[in-house]
Structures are given as structure tokens and as C-alpha cells.
């Protein structure tokens, strides 16, 4: 009898996201969902729920050429809203746009990731100015900084300096007790992990080669009761066997000894609609998780179908408990 009771409890808990194994199983999505803007390339969606509204922060730049050309010079970060995590989302405002050329992010802003830290909303992103170029490169130097606001609708105060001085892209942030972890990559896709006592910095690099085995990018960093996790893009397919699929890595201490999680694949390049049509994405990147009250409830990825781009959320069939 005791065995039956224990088995029932284990089964009951696993059905509500308490399973020891993290599995990303996704629901079908309506075709009229996500965040698109006529005349713009839309990329890099990151979402947070405030009261009953979902706020999506994304990058956009005008369609003046083929995708993804133009983002290095013209990308800006916008905010859109919906009463549903799937959308469709309504454009609200430009949050981080061009500003005076004296600032580090005067030229462009990209890669937003939104977090609530204390009583502030903190939007991390990468930016560049009009004059500073990466070492031994003709490309403008891209670096991680942030904007803050007490209100999700702004106004936003932008950092006067980047928090990482060197080339840094694809920021992922994790509040880990009294420390803040920052994961990012350089132009060669070498991955760094830094820590600070404050999200404003200064940051100290604690691992200067997180994943030396292959090329990864577009990170999301999170933690559950057992260990630390990274969801990211398998750039060349060395982990999943498929270029640019989403993969799952883990570490016991959150600094070194990162390894493949089992199952390792988080998402592929196919999205199934509620009418059972299947979208084959030419590109599907920049994974971000939607976390609500300690549960992972959704995944947001950037989608390119060969003609248009948009930010596409998908719901998990079973929320994943983190605490």
C-alpha cells in the first residue's frame, strides 16, 4: 500500500512539472500569433509578464536589404504587448534607439533580454557607436550594457558605459543568490562567463572558455534545484547533429564542467500550427525562456521563413518547475 501511495505522489508531481528530467515539449501555435512588423526585420524576442500583460522586447530594423544585413548599423529595441503569451503582440514604443554619438550604444541596440531585479526592470542588450571598431576587424565593436526602469513602460535610463569593455554578444543573465552571472560570446563565438555582486558590475571573468568543443551562441541561462542550465544555438550542429538547432547544456557548479544534458535537443526548425500546418524555418535562433512564478512556461525564438522574420513564442505542454 505504501508503494502505491508513493508511486501515485511521484506520478502526480511529475504531471505538474516536478519531473527530475527537463523536457521541452511544445504545444501547437495559432498562425496569428507572435510579433511581426510590416516593413521591418524583427529579431531577438524576450518576454516578461507584468500583472496581466505580457511585454515582449525585440530588435527591429528596416527592410532595406536582405536579412540579416543592416542590423549592425540600424537595429533598435522596441516593446510590444499582449494579453496572451502567444500574442499577437501590439507595438508600443521604441525603448532603445539611436542617441548622441558620444555614447557607446549611439549607433545600434540588439539582443535584448529583460529581467526584474529588485524593484527595477533591467533590460540587457548589446550596442555599438559610430566610430569604435573591433580589434583587427572592419566591424563596429558590439558590447553588453543595460537600461533600467521602475516601470515596465519606462522611462528607461541607459548605462553610460558598457559593462563588458571587450567585444561581447548574446548576453544571458542569471541572479544566483548574492551574485549575478553574465554569459556572453565574442566575435569568434568563444564563450565567457563572468560574475558580479551587482548587475551594474564590475564583472570578473570566472570561465574564459565555457564550451571549447564546438561553436555555440544565443544563450539563456537558468538554474533549478539540482544544477545550472544553458539553452543555446548549436551553431554548426556539432552537438545536435543539425546546424542552428537549440540545445541544452548543464553544470553542477554553474561555472565549469559544462556538459550535454539528456535530452540535448530543445527545439528544431519546425513549428506546428493549430491547423496542423508545419512551418519550416530557414533560421530559428536566439532562444529565450518565459518564466512565470518559478516555472518555465514558454520559449521565444526568432524565426526567418525566407521572406519575413518575427518573434514566435510557443507554450510548453508541461511547465518546468525551477524552485
Protein backbone atom coordinates (compact mmCIF):
# COMPACT_ATOMS: atom_id res chain seq x y z
CA UNK A 1 0.00 0.00 0.00
CA UNK A 2 2.86 2.38 0.88
CA UNK A 3 4.44 1.66 -2.53
CA UNK A 4 1.18 2.55 -4.29
CA UNK A 5 0.88 5.84 -2.40
CA UNK A 6 4.48 6.84 -3.17
CA UNK A 7 4.04 5.91 -6.83
CA UNK A 8 0.87 7.99 -7.02
CA UNK A 9 2.62 11.02 -5.47
CA UNK A 10 5.56 10.74 -7.89
CA UNK A 11 3.19 10.47 -10.85
CA UNK A 12 1.09 13.38 -9.59
CA UNK A 13 4.11 15.65 -9.12
CA UNK A 14 5.64 14.75 -12.48
CA UNK A 15 2.42 15.76 -14.18
CA UNK A 16 2.82 19.24 -12.74
CA UNK A 17 6.38 19.88 -13.77
CA UNK A 18 8.17 18.21 -10.84
CA UNK A 19 9.83 15.58 -13.02
CA UNK A 20 13.57 15.21 -12.45
CA UNK A 21 14.20 15.29 -16.21
CA UNK A 22 13.65 18.59 -18.01
CA UNK A 23 11.85 18.08 -21.30
CA UNK A 24 10.86 20.84 -23.68
CA UNK A 25 7.63 19.63 -25.28
CA UNK A 26 5.72 22.34 -27.09
CA UNK A 27 2.10 22.98 -27.93
CA UNK A 28 0.86 23.93 -31.38
CA UNK A 29 0.55 27.66 -32.04
CA UNK A 30 -2.06 29.76 -33.87
CA UNK A 31 -0.93 31.24 -37.16
CA UNK A 32 -1.98 34.69 -35.97
CA UNK A 33 0.49 34.79 -33.12
CA UNK A 34 3.92 36.22 -32.32
CA UNK A 35 5.24 39.70 -33.06
CA UNK A 36 5.66 40.95 -36.63
CA UNK A 37 6.05 44.44 -38.06
CA UNK A 38 5.35 45.39 -41.65
CA UNK A 39 8.45 46.81 -43.32
CA UNK A 40 10.83 45.63 -40.57
CA UNK A 41 13.03 42.67 -39.80
CA UNK A 42 12.11 41.60 -36.23
CA UNK A 43 14.51 39.51 -34.14
CA UNK A 44 15.64 38.69 -30.57
CA UNK A 45 12.39 38.50 -28.56
CA UNK A 46 12.48 38.44 -24.74
CA UNK A 47 9.30 38.40 -22.64
CA UNK A 48 8.14 39.23 -19.12
CA UNK A 49 4.68 39.23 -17.56
CA UNK A 50 3.65 42.28 -15.51
CA UNK A 51 0.24 41.94 -13.85
CA UNK A 52 -1.98 40.56 -16.61
CA UNK A 53 0.06 41.83 -19.57
CA UNK A 54 2.91 40.16 -21.45
CA UNK A 55 5.64 42.56 -22.55
CA UNK A 56 7.87 41.47 -25.42
CA UNK A 57 11.14 43.29 -26.07
CA UNK A 58 12.58 42.70 -29.54
CA UNK A 59 15.06 44.10 -32.05
CA UNK A 60 13.93 45.60 -35.33
CA UNK A 61 15.47 47.35 -38.33
CA UNK A 62 14.02 48.48 -41.64
CA UNK A 63 13.90 46.09 -44.57
CA UNK A 64 16.34 47.96 -46.76
CA UNK A 65 18.18 44.83 -47.83
CA UNK A 66 18.41 41.06 -47.43
CA UNK A 67 18.18 39.52 -43.98
CA UNK A 68 20.14 39.88 -41.72
CA UNK A 69 22.07 42.75 -43.29
CA UNK A 70 21.61 46.14 -41.70
CA UNK A 71 21.23 45.19 -38.05
CA UNK A 72 24.81 46.18 -37.16
CA UNK A 73 24.07 49.76 -38.21
CA UNK A 74 20.32 50.18 -37.72
CA UNK A 75 18.90 47.82 -35.10
CA UNK A 76 16.85 49.30 -32.26
CA UNK A 77 14.91 47.71 -29.39
CA UNK A 78 11.13 48.01 -29.15
CA UNK A 79 8.43 46.90 -26.73
CA UNK A 80 5.16 45.20 -27.68
CA UNK A 81 2.29 43.90 -25.54
CA UNK A 82 -0.39 41.23 -25.48
CA UNK A 83 -2.84 39.68 -23.03
CA UNK A 84 -1.60 36.27 -24.18
CA UNK A 85 1.97 34.91 -24.13
CA UNK A 86 1.41 33.82 -27.73
CA UNK A 87 0.22 37.20 -28.93
CA UNK A 88 -0.41 38.63 -31.43
CA UNK A 89 1.62 41.50 -29.96
CA UNK A 90 0.93 45.18 -30.42
CA UNK A 91 3.83 47.59 -30.92
CA UNK A 92 4.05 50.11 -28.07
CA UNK A 93 7.28 52.07 -28.32
CA UNK A 94 10.95 52.27 -29.20
CA UNK A 95 12.79 51.57 -25.93
CA UNK A 96 16.44 51.78 -27.00
CA UNK A 97 17.09 53.76 -30.17
CA UNK A 98 19.83 55.90 -31.66
CA UNK A 99 21.26 58.62 -29.39
CA UNK A 100 24.14 61.08 -29.25
CA UNK A 101 27.33 59.73 -30.85
CA UNK A 102 29.30 60.24 -27.61
CA UNK A 103 27.67 57.13 -26.12
CA UNK A 104 28.77 53.50 -26.50
CA UNK A 105 25.32 52.48 -27.89
CA UNK A 106 24.65 55.51 -30.08
CA UNK A 107 24.54 53.56 -33.34
CA UNK A 108 22.52 50.42 -32.67
CA UNK A 109 20.95 48.20 -29.98
CA UNK A 110 20.30 44.46 -30.31
CA UNK A 111 19.95 41.18 -28.34
CA UNK A 112 17.53 42.36 -25.60
CA UNK A 113 16.93 40.18 -22.53
CA UNK A 114 14.54 41.52 -19.88
CA UNK A 115 14.73 40.78 -16.14
CA UNK A 116 13.17 42.01 -12.89
CA UNK A 117 15.95 42.75 -10.37
CA UNK A 118 14.74 44.04 -7.02
CA UNK A 119 12.23 46.79 -7.74
CA UNK A 120 13.66 47.59 -11.17
CA UNK A 121 13.19 46.22 -14.65
CA UNK A 122 16.61 45.74 -16.22
CA UNK A 123 16.98 45.33 -19.99
CA UNK A 124 20.37 43.95 -21.02
CA UNK A 125 21.41 44.34 -24.66
CA UNK A 126 24.36 44.90 -26.95
CA UNK A 127 25.17 48.20 -28.61
CA UNK A 128 27.71 49.95 -30.77
CA UNK A 129 28.66 53.51 -31.62
CA UNK A 130 29.60 55.11 -34.93
CA UNK A 131 33.38 55.08 -34.52
CA UNK A 132 34.69 52.19 -32.38
CA UNK A 133 35.73 49.10 -34.31
CA UNK A 134 36.51 45.61 -33.05
CA UNK A 135 40.19 44.71 -32.90
CA UNK A 136 41.59 43.58 -36.27
CA UNK A 137 38.15 43.97 -37.82
CA UNK A 138 36.13 46.29 -40.05
CA UNK A 139 33.05 45.64 -37.90
CA UNK A 140 31.83 48.08 -35.28
CA UNK A 141 32.58 46.96 -31.73
CA UNK A 142 29.50 45.43 -30.05
CA UNK A 143 29.35 45.37 -26.25
CA UNK A 144 26.91 44.50 -23.46
CA UNK A 145 25.16 47.21 -21.44
CA UNK A 146 21.74 47.78 -19.94
CA UNK A 147 18.78 50.07 -19.40
CA UNK A 148 16.69 50.33 -16.22
CA UNK A 149 13.22 51.49 -15.29
CA UNK A 150 10.96 51.31 -12.24
CA UNK A 151 8.05 50.93 -14.67
CA UNK A 152 7.87 48.41 -17.50
CA UNK A 153 6.57 51.21 -19.71
CA UNK A 154 9.57 53.42 -18.96
CA UNK A 155 11.15 55.89 -18.99
CA UNK A 156 14.38 53.89 -19.39
CA UNK A 157 17.75 55.07 -18.13
CA UNK A 158 20.62 53.66 -20.18
CA UNK A 159 24.04 52.84 -18.80
CA UNK A 160 26.63 55.44 -19.74
CA UNK A 161 29.22 52.72 -20.33
CA UNK A 162 29.06 49.05 -21.35
CA UNK A 163 29.51 46.53 -18.53
CA UNK A 164 31.91 44.47 -20.68
CA UNK A 165 34.63 46.52 -22.40
CA UNK A 166 35.62 43.89 -24.97
CA UNK A 167 33.59 42.54 -27.89
CA UNK A 168 30.57 40.86 -26.27
CA UNK A 169 27.36 39.48 -27.75
CA UNK A 170 24.27 37.41 -26.86
CA UNK A 171 24.11 38.31 -23.14
CA UNK A 172 22.40 35.90 -20.73
CA UNK A 173 21.81 36.90 -17.12
CA UNK A 174 21.15 34.80 -14.00
CA UNK A 175 20.55 36.09 -10.47
CA UNK A 176 22.38 33.48 -8.41
CA UNK A 177 22.00 34.28 -4.73
CA UNK A 178 24.12 37.34 -3.99
CA UNK A 179 25.89 37.12 -7.35
CA UNK A 180 24.90 37.97 -10.90
CA UNK A 181 26.12 35.64 -13.64
CA UNK A 182 26.64 37.02 -17.16
CA UNK A 183 27.19 34.68 -20.09
CA UNK A 184 28.30 36.09 -23.45
CA UNK A 185 30.42 35.38 -26.52
CA UNK A 186 32.99 37.25 -28.60
CA UNK A 187 33.09 37.65 -32.39
CA UNK A 188 34.71 34.20 -32.77
CA UNK A 189 31.99 32.50 -30.68
CA UNK A 190 34.30 31.94 -27.74
CA UNK A 191 32.03 31.85 -24.69
CA UNK A 192 32.75 33.67 -21.43
CA UNK A 193 31.11 33.51 -18.01
CA UNK A 194 31.50 36.48 -15.67
CA UNK A 195 30.23 37.27 -12.18
CA UNK A 196 29.49 40.40 -10.20
CA UNK A 197 28.00 41.43 -6.86
CA UNK A 198 25.73 43.85 -8.76
CA UNK A 199 24.16 43.76 -12.21
CA UNK A 200 25.88 47.11 -12.92
CA UNK A 201 29.28 45.47 -12.45
CA UNK A 202 32.20 45.34 -12.29
CA UNK A 203 32.26 41.81 -13.69
CA UNK A 204 35.05 39.29 -13.18
CA UNK A 205 35.52 36.52 -15.74
CA UNK A 206 35.31 33.15 -13.97
CA UNK A 207 35.43 30.98 -17.11
CA UNK A 208 37.03 32.24 -20.33
CA UNK A 209 36.14 29.21 -22.48
CA UNK A 210 32.80 27.75 -21.38
CA UNK A 211 32.35 25.39 -24.34
CA UNK A 212 35.63 24.75 -26.19
CA UNK A 213 34.31 21.67 -28.01
CA UNK A 214 32.26 23.48 -30.67
CA UNK A 215 30.58 26.72 -31.70
CA UNK A 216 27.54 27.86 -29.69
CA UNK A 217 25.74 31.20 -29.33
CA UNK A 218 22.41 32.86 -28.39
CA UNK A 219 22.27 31.85 -24.73
CA UNK A 220 19.66 31.66 -22.00
CA UNK A 221 20.95 30.84 -18.50
CA UNK A 222 18.80 29.37 -15.72
CA UNK A 223 19.01 27.26 -12.57
CA UNK A 224 16.86 24.63 -10.89
CA UNK A 225 17.27 22.82 -7.56
CA UNK A 226 19.87 20.43 -8.93
CA UNK A 227 22.13 22.36 -11.30
CA UNK A 228 22.69 25.19 -13.79
CA UNK A 229 21.47 25.15 -17.37
CA UNK A 230 22.15 26.82 -20.71
CA UNK A 231 19.75 26.76 -23.64
CA UNK A 232 21.56 27.95 -26.75
CA UNK A 233 22.00 27.65 -30.50
CA UNK A 234 24.14 24.79 -31.81
CA UNK A 235 25.76 26.98 -34.46
CA UNK A 236 27.47 24.35 -36.60
CA UNK A 237 25.50 21.29 -35.49
CA UNK A 238 28.34 19.64 -33.55
CA UNK A 239 26.14 18.92 -30.52
CA UNK A 240 22.76 18.02 -32.02
CA UNK A 241 23.87 16.97 -35.49
CA UNK A 242 21.84 19.82 -37.01
CA UNK A 243 23.09 23.34 -37.65
CA UNK A 244 21.39 26.06 -35.58
CA UNK A 245 19.08 23.76 -33.63
CA UNK A 246 18.51 24.60 -29.96
CA UNK A 247 20.44 22.54 -27.42
CA UNK A 248 20.64 22.12 -23.65
CA UNK A 249 23.85 22.12 -21.58
CA UNK A 250 24.27 21.77 -17.81
CA UNK A 251 26.77 22.19 -15.00
CA UNK A 252 26.73 21.27 -11.30
CA UNK A 253 28.60 24.38 -10.13
CA UNK A 254 27.45 26.84 -12.79
CA UNK A 255 30.99 27.84 -13.73
CA UNK A 256 32.90 24.93 -15.29
CA UNK A 257 32.47 21.32 -16.35
CA UNK A 258 29.59 22.07 -18.70
CA UNK A 259 28.22 19.02 -20.47
CA UNK A 260 25.36 17.92 -22.72
CA UNK A 261 22.01 17.49 -20.99
CA UNK A 262 19.91 14.43 -21.79
CA UNK A 263 17.80 15.05 -23.82
CA UNK A 264 20.10 17.54 -25.51
CA UNK A 265 17.76 18.94 -28.20
CA UNK A 266 15.44 21.75 -27.06
CA UNK A 267 13.93 22.71 -30.42
CA UNK A 268 14.38 22.07 -34.14
CA UNK A 269 13.46 24.19 -37.18
CA UNK A 270 9.81 23.11 -37.33
CA UNK A 271 6.82 24.81 -35.71
CA UNK A 272 3.40 23.16 -35.86
CA UNK A 273 0.32 25.34 -36.16
CA UNK A 274 -3.06 24.59 -34.60
CA UNK A 275 -4.44 23.70 -38.06
CA UNK A 276 -1.60 21.13 -38.31
CA UNK A 277 0.30 23.06 -40.99
CA UNK A 278 4.04 22.95 -40.29
CA UNK A 279 6.37 25.90 -40.69
CA UNK A 280 9.90 25.01 -41.79
CA UNK A 281 12.12 27.83 -40.54
CA UNK A 282 15.11 28.79 -42.65
CA UNK A 283 16.54 30.11 -39.39
CA UNK A 284 15.30 29.80 -35.82
CA UNK A 285 17.55 31.43 -33.23
CA UNK A 286 18.04 33.49 -30.07
CA UNK A 287 16.10 31.24 -27.62
CA UNK A 288 14.65 32.99 -24.59
CA UNK A 289 12.52 31.38 -21.89
CA UNK A 290 9.34 32.75 -20.36
CA UNK A 291 9.45 32.13 -16.60
CA UNK A 292 6.33 32.74 -14.52
CA UNK A 293 6.25 32.25 -10.72
CA UNK A 294 9.19 29.86 -10.77
CA UNK A 295 8.04 27.82 -13.77
CA UNK A 296 9.29 27.79 -17.34
CA UNK A 297 6.07 28.16 -19.32
CA UNK A 298 7.24 29.06 -22.80
CA UNK A 299 10.02 29.51 -25.33
CA UNK A 300 10.51 32.54 -27.56
CA UNK A 301 12.63 32.18 -30.69
CA UNK A 302 13.37 34.40 -33.68
CA UNK A 303 12.07 32.95 -36.93
CA UNK A 304 13.03 33.55 -40.58
CA UNK A 305 10.85 31.83 -43.20
CA UNK A 306 12.81 33.01 -46.23
CA UNK A 307 10.75 36.18 -46.69
CA UNK A 308 9.90 37.58 -43.27
CA UNK A 309 11.14 37.46 -39.70
CA UNK A 310 9.29 37.62 -36.41
CA UNK A 311 9.43 36.72 -32.75
CA UNK A 312 7.48 33.49 -32.16
CA UNK A 313 6.52 32.29 -28.67
CA UNK A 314 5.44 28.70 -28.08
CA UNK A 315 3.91 27.26 -24.90
CA UNK A 316 5.23 24.24 -23.06
CA UNK A 317 2.79 21.36 -22.75
CA UNK A 318 4.02 20.90 -19.19
CA UNK A 319 5.55 23.81 -17.25
CA UNK A 320 9.01 23.11 -15.81
CA UNK A 321 9.44 23.85 -12.11
CA UNK A 322 12.71 25.58 -11.18
CA UNK A 323 12.38 26.07 -7.41
